[in-house]
Amino acid sequence: MHAPTFVDVWQLLDDADRARLAEIDETQSEILTFLRTTPIEDVDAPMFSELQVERLRVYRGALERSGAAEEDTEDAASA
């Protein structure tokens, strides 16, 4: 088994996954823009790691769905 590449996982994402990733990107961009113009001590934003964990959750969900689909295909082929 090899570690999946970004391309491998991107092909497994559905529309909802891509929409969620776009939301995460937008949130991150908004935070970074805000930080450029606001004193840091006044910012109430999620931690960078929280956004990355959410992004990873989307990717893992796609991989898990793919793994379940592959198992179903293998089961059907062996029946």
PDB file of N, CA and C in Angstrom:
ATOM      1  N   MET A   1       0.845  -1.181   0.000  1.00  0.00           N
ATOM      2  CA  MET A   1       0.000   0.000   0.000  1.00  0.00           C
ATOM      3  C   MET A   1       0.891   1.245   0.000  1.00  0.00           C
ATOM      4  N   HIS A   2       0.539   2.206  -0.819  1.00  0.00           N
ATOM      5  CA  HIS A   2       1.314   3.447  -0.873  1.00  0.00           C
ATOM      6  C   HIS A   2       0.494   4.582  -0.274  1.00  0.00           C
ATOM      7  N   ALA A   3       1.199   5.585   0.166  1.00  0.00           N
ATOM      8  CA  ALA A   3       0.506   6.770   0.685  1.00  0.00           C
ATOM      9  C   ALA A   3      -0.113   7.501  -0.501  1.00  0.00           C
ATOM     10  N   PRO A   4      -1.390   7.859  -0.393  1.00  0.00           N
ATOM     11  CA  PRO A   4      -2.043   8.528  -1.522  1.00  0.00           C
ATOM     12  C   PRO A   4      -1.469   9.921  -1.756  1.00  0.00           C
ATOM     13  N   THR A   5      -1.366  10.277  -3.004  1.00  0.00           N
ATOM     14  CA  THR A   5      -0.906  11.616  -3.359  1.00  0.00           C
ATOM     15  C   THR A   5      -2.101  12.563  -3.361  1.00  0.00           C
ATOM     16  N   PHE A   6      -1.808  13.839  -3.479  1.00  0.00           N
ATOM     17  CA  PHE A   6      -2.875  14.832  -3.565  1.00  0.00           C
ATOM     18  C   PHE A   6      -3.765  14.530  -4.771  1.00  0.00           C
ATOM     19  N   VAL A   7      -3.157  14.155  -5.889  1.00  0.00           N
ATOM     20  CA  VAL A   7      -3.920  13.839  -7.104  1.00  0.00           C
ATOM     21  C   VAL A   7      -4.822  12.635  -6.866  1.00  0.00           C
ATOM     22  N   ASP A   8      -4.309  11.609  -6.190  1.00  0.00           N
ATOM     23  CA  ASP A   8      -5.118  10.425  -5.890  1.00  0.00           C
ATOM     24  C   ASP A   8      -6.375  10.805  -5.121  1.00  0.00           C
ATOM     25  N   VAL A   9      -6.195  11.607  -4.095  1.00  0.00           N
ATOM     26  CA  VAL A   9      -7.321  11.969  -3.233  1.00  0.00           C
ATOM     27  C   VAL A   9      -8.257  12.937  -3.948  1.00  0.00           C
ATOM     28  N   TRP A  10      -7.716  13.881  -4.700  1.00  0.00           N
ATOM     29  CA  TRP A  10      -8.551  14.874  -5.390  1.00  0.00           C
ATOM     30  C   TRP A  10      -9.569  14.182  -6.301  1.00  0.00           C
ATOM     31  N   GLN A  11      -9.162  13.113  -6.939  1.00  0.00           N
ATOM     32  CA  GLN A  11     -10.057  12.387  -7.837  1.00  0.00           C
ATOM     33  C   GLN A  11     -11.194  11.701  -7.086  1.00  0.00           C
ATOM     34  N   LEU A  12     -11.035  11.485  -5.800  1.00  0.00           N
ATOM     35  CA  LEU A  12     -12.053  10.810  -4.991  1.00  0.00           C
ATOM     36  C   LEU A  12     -13.059  11.768  -4.368  1.00  0.00           C
ATOM     37  N   LEU A  13     -12.752  13.061  -4.381  1.00  0.00           N
ATOM     38  CA  LEU A  13     -13.626  14.041  -3.737  1.00  0.00           C
ATOM     39  C   LEU A  13     -14.918  14.208  -4.521  1.00  0.00           C
ATOM     40  N   ASP A  14     -16.021  14.334  -3.791  1.00  0.00           N
ATOM     41  CA  ASP A  14     -17.291  14.635  -4.449  1.00  0.00           C
ATOM     42  C   ASP A  14     -17.557  16.137  -4.354  1.00  0.00           C
ATOM     43  N   ASP A  15     -18.686  16.575  -4.889  1.00  0.00           N
ATOM     44  CA  ASP A  15     -18.996  18.009  -4.904  1.00  0.00           C
ATOM     45  C   ASP A  15     -19.077  18.594  -3.496  1.00  0.00           C
ATOM     46  N   ALA A  16     -19.643  17.837  -2.562  1.00  0.00           N
ATOM     47  CA  ALA A  16     -19.751  18.323  -1.181  1.00  0.00           C
ATOM     48  C   ALA A  16     -18.367  18.474  -0.554  1.00  0.00           C
ATOM     49  N   ASP A  17     -17.468  17.535  -0.839  1.00  0.00           N
ATOM     50  CA  ASP A  17     -16.093  17.625  -0.329  1.00  0.00           C
ATOM     51  C   ASP A  17     -15.402  18.872  -0.868  1.00  0.00           C
ATOM     52  N   ARG A  18     -15.538  19.091  -2.159  1.00  0.00           N
ATOM     53  CA  ARG A  18     -14.888  20.256  -2.774  1.00  0.00           C
ATOM     54  C   ARG A  18     -15.468  21.557  -2.240  1.00  0.00           C
ATOM     55  N   ALA A  19     -16.776  21.567  -2.006  1.00  0.00           N
ATOM     56  CA  ALA A  19     -17.415  22.763  -1.437  1.00  0.00           C
ATOM     57  C   ALA A  19     -16.887  23.024  -0.033  1.00  0.00           C
ATOM     58  N   ARG A  20     -16.741  21.973   0.770  1.00  0.00           N
ATOM     59  CA  ARG A  20     -16.227  22.134   2.138  1.00  0.00           C
ATOM     60  C   ARG A  20     -14.786  22.628   2.113  1.00  0.00           C
ATOM     61  N   LEU A  21     -13.974  22.092   1.217  1.00  0.00           N
ATOM     62  CA  LEU A  21     -12.591  22.556   1.104  1.00  0.00           C
ATOM     63  C   LEU A  21     -12.544  24.024   0.682  1.00  0.00           C
ATOM     64  N   ALA A  22     -13.443  24.430  -0.196  1.00  0.00           N
ATOM     65  CA  ALA A  22     -13.507  25.837  -0.606  1.00  0.00           C
ATOM     66  C   ALA A  22     -13.885  26.722   0.577  1.00  0.00           C
ATOM     67  N   GLU A  23     -14.798  26.245   1.429  1.00  0.00           N
ATOM     68  CA  GLU A  23     -15.173  26.998   2.634  1.00  0.00           C
ATOM     69  C   GLU A  23     -13.975  27.159   3.563  1.00  0.00           C
ATOM     70  N   ILE A  24     -13.219  26.091   3.732  1.00  0.00           N
ATOM     71  CA  ILE A  24     -12.034  26.142   4.593  1.00  0.00           C
ATOM     72  C   ILE A  24     -11.022  27.129   4.019  1.00  0.00           C
ATOM     73  N   ASP A  25     -10.807  27.078   2.709  1.00  0.00           N
ATOM     74  CA  ASP A  25      -9.888  28.020   2.055  1.00  0.00           C
ATOM     75  C   ASP A  25     -10.346  29.459   2.257  1.00  0.00           C
ATOM     76  N   GLU A  26     -11.649  29.687   2.097  1.00  0.00           N
ATOM     77  CA  GLU A  26     -12.187  31.040   2.256  1.00  0.00           C
ATOM     78  C   GLU A  26     -12.007  31.532   3.687  1.00  0.00           C
ATOM     79  N   THR A  27     -12.277  30.666   4.652  1.00  0.00           N
ATOM     80  CA  THR A  27     -12.093  31.032   6.056  1.00  0.00           C
ATOM     81  C   THR A  27     -10.640  31.396   6.327  1.00  0.00           C
ATOM     82  N   GLN A  28      -9.731  30.571   5.833  1.00  0.00           N
ATOM     83  CA  GLN A  28      -8.306  30.834   6.038  1.00  0.00           C
ATOM     84  C   GLN A  28      -7.908  32.155   5.385  1.00  0.00           C
ATOM     85  N   SER A  29      -8.379  32.417   4.181  1.00  0.00           N
ATOM     86  CA  SER A  29      -8.061  33.678   3.493  1.00  0.00           C
ATOM     87  C   SER A  29      -8.609  34.880   4.250  1.00  0.00           C
ATOM     88  N   GLU A  30      -9.836  34.756   4.750  1.00  0.00           N
ATOM     89  CA  GLU A  30     -10.434  35.851   5.517  1.00  0.00           C
ATOM     90  C   GLU A  30      -9.626  36.143   6.776  1.00  0.00           C
ATOM     91  N   ILE A  31      -9.192  35.092   7.444  1.00  0.00           N
ATOM     92  CA  ILE A  31      -8.401  35.268   8.663  1.00  0.00           C
ATOM     93  C   ILE A  31      -7.079  35.956   8.336  1.00  0.00           C
ATOM     94  N   LEU A  32      -6.403  35.495   7.298  1.00  0.00           N
ATOM     95  CA  LEU A  32      -5.111  36.089   6.936  1.00  0.00           C
ATOM     96  C   LEU A  32      -5.266  37.549   6.517  1.00  0.00           C
ATOM     97  N   THR A  33      -6.317  37.864   5.791  1.00  0.00           N
ATOM     98  CA  THR A  33      -6.583  39.256   5.411  1.00  0.00           C
ATOM     99  C   THR A  33      -6.847  40.096   6.649  1.00  0.00           C
ATOM    100  N   PHE A  34      -7.635  39.569   7.560  1.00  0.00           N
ATOM    101  CA  PHE A  34      -7.956  40.270   8.797  1.00  0.00           C
ATOM    102  C   PHE A  34      -6.695  40.530   9.616  1.00  0.00           C
ATOM    103  N   LEU A  35      -5.818  39.537   9.673  1.00  0.00           N
ATOM    104  CA  LEU A  35      -4.585  39.674  10.455  1.00  0.00           C
ATOM    105  C   LEU A  35      -3.660  40.758   9.908  1.00  0.00           C
ATOM    106  N   ARG A  36      -3.725  41.006   8.609  1.00  0.00           N
ATOM    107  CA  ARG A  36      -2.890  42.057   8.023  1.00  0.00           C
ATOM    108  C   ARG A  36      -3.331  43.441   8.461  1.00  0.00           C
ATOM    109  N   THR A  37      -4.595  43.579   8.853  1.00  0.00           N
ATOM    110  CA  THR A  37      -5.139  44.909   9.141  1.00  0.00           C
ATOM    111  C   THR A  37      -5.545  45.121  10.589  1.00  0.00           C
ATOM    112  N   THR A  38      -5.451  44.103  11.416  1.00  0.00           N
ATOM    113  CA  THR A  38      -5.941  44.179  12.787  1.00  0.00           C
ATOM    114  C   THR A  38      -4.847  43.755  13.759  1.00  0.00           C
ATOM    115  N   PRO A  39      -4.762  44.418  14.899  1.00  0.00           N
ATOM    116  CA  PRO A  39      -3.800  43.961  15.914  1.00  0.00           C
ATOM    117  C   PRO A  39      -4.069  42.498  16.290  1.00  0.00           C
ATOM    118  N   ILE A  40      -3.030  41.731  16.363  1.00  0.00           N
ATOM    119  CA  ILE A  40      -3.154  40.294  16.583  1.00  0.00           C
ATOM    120  C   ILE A  40      -3.897  39.966  17.872  1.00  0.00           C
ATOM    121  N   GLU A  41      -3.706  40.736  18.908  1.00  0.00           N
ATOM    122  CA  GLU A  41      -4.353  40.397  20.177  1.00  0.00           C
ATOM    123  C   GLU A  41      -5.878  40.557  20.123  1.00  0.00           C
ATOM    124  N   ASP A  42      -6.398  41.224  19.095  1.00  0.00           N
ATOM    125  CA  ASP A  42      -7.846  41.410  18.968  1.00  0.00           C
ATOM    126  C   ASP A  42      -8.529  40.331  18.128  1.00  0.00           C
ATOM    127  N   VAL A  43      -7.778  39.368  17.642  1.00  0.00           N
ATOM    128  CA  VAL A  43      -8.324  38.370  16.722  1.00  0.00           C
ATOM    129  C   VAL A  43      -8.872  37.171  17.484  1.00  0.00           C
ATOM    130  N   ASP A  44     -10.135  36.850  17.199  1.00  0.00           N
ATOM    131  CA  ASP A  44     -10.751  35.641  17.743  1.00  0.00           C
ATOM    132  C   ASP A  44     -11.039  34.722  16.562  1.00  0.00           C
ATOM    133  N   ALA A  45     -10.082  33.881  16.233  1.00  0.00           N
ATOM    134  CA  ALA A  45     -10.189  33.025  15.057  1.00  0.00           C
ATOM    135  C   ALA A  45      -9.786  31.603  15.428  1.00  0.00           C
ATOM    136  N   PRO A  46     -10.230  30.637  14.612  1.00  0.00           N
ATOM    137  CA  PRO A  46      -9.815  29.260  14.883  1.00  0.00           C
ATOM    138  C   PRO A  46      -8.304  29.122  14.708  1.00  0.00           C
ATOM    139  N   MET A  47      -7.742  28.159  15.391  1.00  0.00           N
ATOM    140  CA  MET A  47      -6.316  27.895  15.249  1.00  0.00           C
ATOM    141  C   MET A  47      -6.059  27.332  13.855  1.00  0.00           C
ATOM    142  N   PHE A  48      -4.877  27.582  13.341  1.00  0.00           N
ATOM    143  CA  PHE A  48      -4.501  27.051  12.032  1.00  0.00           C
ATOM    144  C   PHE A  48      -4.660  25.534  12.016  1.00  0.00           C
ATOM    145  N   SER A  49      -4.268  24.895  13.111  1.00  0.00           N
ATOM    146  CA  SER A  49      -4.357  23.436  13.173  1.00  0.00           C
ATOM    147  C   SER A  49      -5.801  22.949  13.078  1.00  0.00           C
ATOM    148  N   GLU A  50      -6.753  23.722  13.601  1.00  0.00           N
ATOM    149  CA  GLU A  50      -8.159  23.332  13.504  1.00  0.00           C
ATOM    150  C   GLU A  50      -8.610  23.290  12.047  1.00  0.00           C
ATOM    151  N   LEU A  51      -8.186  24.267  11.271  1.00  0.00           N
ATOM    152  CA  LEU A  51      -8.544  24.276   9.851  1.00  0.00           C
ATOM    153  C   LEU A  51      -7.889  23.107   9.120  1.00  0.00           C
ATOM    154  N   GLN A  52      -6.655  22.799   9.471  1.00  0.00           N
ATOM    155  CA  GLN A  52      -5.967  21.692   8.816  1.00  0.00           C
ATOM    156  C   GLN A  52      -6.584  20.349   9.194  1.00  0.00           C
ATOM    157  N   VAL A  53      -7.015  20.217  10.438  1.00  0.00           N
ATOM    158  CA  VAL A  53      -7.685  18.988  10.869  1.00  0.00           C
ATOM    159  C   VAL A  53      -8.991  18.812  10.100  1.00  0.00           C
ATOM    160  N   GLU A  54      -9.722  19.893   9.921  1.00  0.00           N
ATOM    161  CA  GLU A  54     -10.975  19.823   9.157  1.00  0.00           C
ATOM    162  C   GLU A  54     -10.695  19.442   7.702  1.00  0.00           C
ATOM    163  N   ARG A  55      -9.652  20.016   7.124  1.00  0.00           N
ATOM    164  CA  ARG A  55      -9.264  19.671   5.749  1.00  0.00           C
ATOM    165  C   ARG A  55      -8.909  18.184   5.665  1.00  0.00           C
ATOM    166  N   LEU A  56      -8.143  17.701   6.621  1.00  0.00           N
ATOM    167  CA  LEU A  56      -7.768  16.290   6.651  1.00  0.00           C
ATOM    168  C   LEU A  56      -8.993  15.398   6.796  1.00  0.00           C
ATOM    169  N   ARG A  57      -9.964  15.835   7.588  1.00  0.00           N
ATOM    170  CA  ARG A  57     -11.201  15.075   7.770  1.00  0.00           C
ATOM    171  C   ARG A  57     -11.921  14.880   6.425  1.00  0.00           C
ATOM    172  N   VAL A  58     -11.938  15.918   5.603  1.00  0.00           N
ATOM    173  CA  VAL A  58     -12.567  15.820   4.275  1.00  0.00           C
ATOM    174  C   VAL A  58     -11.823  14.795   3.422  1.00  0.00           C
ATOM    175  N   TYR A  59     -10.487  14.880   3.402  1.00  0.00           N
ATOM    176  CA  TYR A  59      -9.694  13.946   2.603  1.00  0.00           C
ATOM    177  C   TYR A  59      -9.863  12.509   3.097  1.00  0.00           C
ATOM    178  N   ARG A  60      -9.833  12.322   4.397  1.00  0.00           N
ATOM    179  CA  ARG A  60      -9.992  10.968   4.943  1.00  0.00           C
ATOM    180  C   ARG A  60     -11.361  10.393   4.620  1.00  0.00           C
ATOM    181  N   GLY A  61     -12.386  11.230   4.692  1.00  0.00           N
ATOM    182  CA  GLY A  61     -13.733  10.778   4.348  1.00  0.00           C
ATOM    183  C   GLY A  61     -13.796  10.266   2.918  1.00  0.00           C
ATOM    184  N   ALA A  62     -13.161  10.982   2.003  1.00  0.00           N
ATOM    185  CA  ALA A  62     -13.137  10.554   0.601  1.00  0.00           C
ATOM    186  C   ALA A  62     -12.383   9.236   0.456  1.00  0.00           C
ATOM    187  N   LEU A  63     -11.267   9.106   1.162  1.00  0.00           N
ATOM    188  CA  LEU A  63     -10.501   7.856   1.103  1.00  0.00           C
ATOM    189  C   LEU A  63     -11.291   6.694   1.687  1.00  0.00           C
ATOM    190  N   GLU A  64     -11.982   6.938   2.793  1.00  0.00           N
ATOM    191  CA  GLU A  64     -12.778   5.878   3.412  1.00  0.00           C
ATOM    192  C   GLU A  64     -13.917   5.448   2.497  1.00  0.00           C
ATOM    193  N   ARG A  65     -14.588   6.413   1.871  1.00  0.00           N
ATOM    194  CA  ARG A  65     -15.659   6.059   0.931  1.00  0.00           C
ATOM    195  C   ARG A  65     -15.101   5.245  -0.226  1.00  0.00           C
ATOM    196  N   SER A  66     -13.931   5.620  -0.692  1.00  0.00           N
ATOM    197  CA  SER A  66     -13.302   4.905  -1.794  1.00  0.00           C
ATOM    198  C   SER A  66     -12.936   3.487  -1.374  1.00  0.00           C
ATOM    199  N   GLY A  67     -12.405   3.353  -0.161  1.00  0.00           N
ATOM    200  CA  GLY A  67     -12.054   2.030   0.347  1.00  0.00           C
ATOM    201  C   GLY A  67     -13.270   1.146   0.483  1.00  0.00           C
ATOM    202  N   ALA A  68     -14.375   1.706   0.953  1.00  0.00           N
ATOM    203  CA  ALA A  68     -15.617   0.948   1.078  1.00  0.00           C
ATOM    204  C   ALA A  68     -16.128   0.558  -0.300  1.00  0.00           C
ATOM    205  N   ALA A  69     -16.000   1.450  -1.270  1.00  0.00           N
ATOM    206  CA  ALA A  69     -16.442   1.156  -2.634  1.00  0.00           C
ATOM    207  C   ALA A  69     -15.585   0.055  -3.246  1.00  0.00           C
ATOM    208  N   GLU A  70     -14.271   0.102  -2.989  1.00  0.00           N
ATOM    209  CA  GLU A  70     -13.382  -0.936  -3.508  1.00  0.00           C
ATOM    210  C   GLU A  70     -13.709  -2.287  -2.893  1.00  0.00           C
ATOM    211  N   GLU A  71     -14.005  -2.316  -1.588  1.00  0.00           N
ATOM    212  CA  GLU A  71     -14.366  -3.565  -0.926  1.00  0.00           C
ATOM    213  C   GLU A  71     -15.652  -4.127  -1.506  1.00  0.00           C
ATOM    214  N   ASP A  72     -16.640  -3.269  -1.772  1.00  0.00           N
ATOM    215  CA  ASP A  72     -17.894  -3.714  -2.367  1.00  0.00           C
ATOM    216  C   ASP A  72     -17.653  -4.300  -3.755  1.00  0.00           C
ATOM    217  N   THR A  73     -16.765  -3.671  -4.524  1.00  0.00           N
ATOM    218  CA  THR A  73     -16.446  -4.155  -5.867  1.00  0.00           C
ATOM    219  C   THR A  73     -15.755  -5.506  -5.791  1.00  0.00           C
ATOM    220  N   GLU A  74     -14.816  -5.651  -4.850  1.00  0.00           N
ATOM    221  CA  GLU A  74     -14.112  -6.921  -4.681  1.00  0.00           C
ATOM    222  C   GLU A  74     -15.070  -8.011  -4.230  1.00  0.00           C
ATOM    223  N   ASP A  75     -15.989  -7.690  -3.310  1.00  0.00           N
ATOM    224  CA  ASP A  75     -16.971  -8.662  -2.840  1.00  0.00           C
ATOM    225  C   ASP A  75     -17.875  -9.112  -3.979  1.00  0.00           C
ATOM    226  N   ALA A  76     -18.309  -8.190  -4.810  1.00  0.00           N
ATOM    227  CA  ALA A  76     -19.187  -8.518  -5.929  1.00  0.00           C
ATOM    228  C   ALA A  76     -18.447  -9.371  -6.958  1.00  0.00           C
ATOM    229  N   ALA A  77     -17.167  -9.086  -7.167  1.00  0.00           N
ATOM    230  CA  ALA A  77     -16.381  -9.842  -8.139  1.00  0.00           C
ATOM    231  C   ALA A  77     -16.127 -11.265  -7.664  1.00  0.00           C
ATOM    232  N   SER A  78     -15.991 -11.457  -6.358  1.00  0.00           N
ATOM    233  CA  SER A  78     -15.706 -12.790  -5.833  1.00  0.00           C
ATOM    234  C   SER A  78     -16.964 -13.632  -5.659  1.00  0.00           C
ATOM    235  N   ALA A  79     -18.136 -13.013  -5.727  1.00  0.00           N
ATOM    236  CA  ALA A  79     -19.401 -13.751  -5.540  1.00  0.00           C
ATOM    237  C   ALA A  79     -19.823 -14.484  -6.784  1.00  0.00           C
TER     238      ALA A  79
END
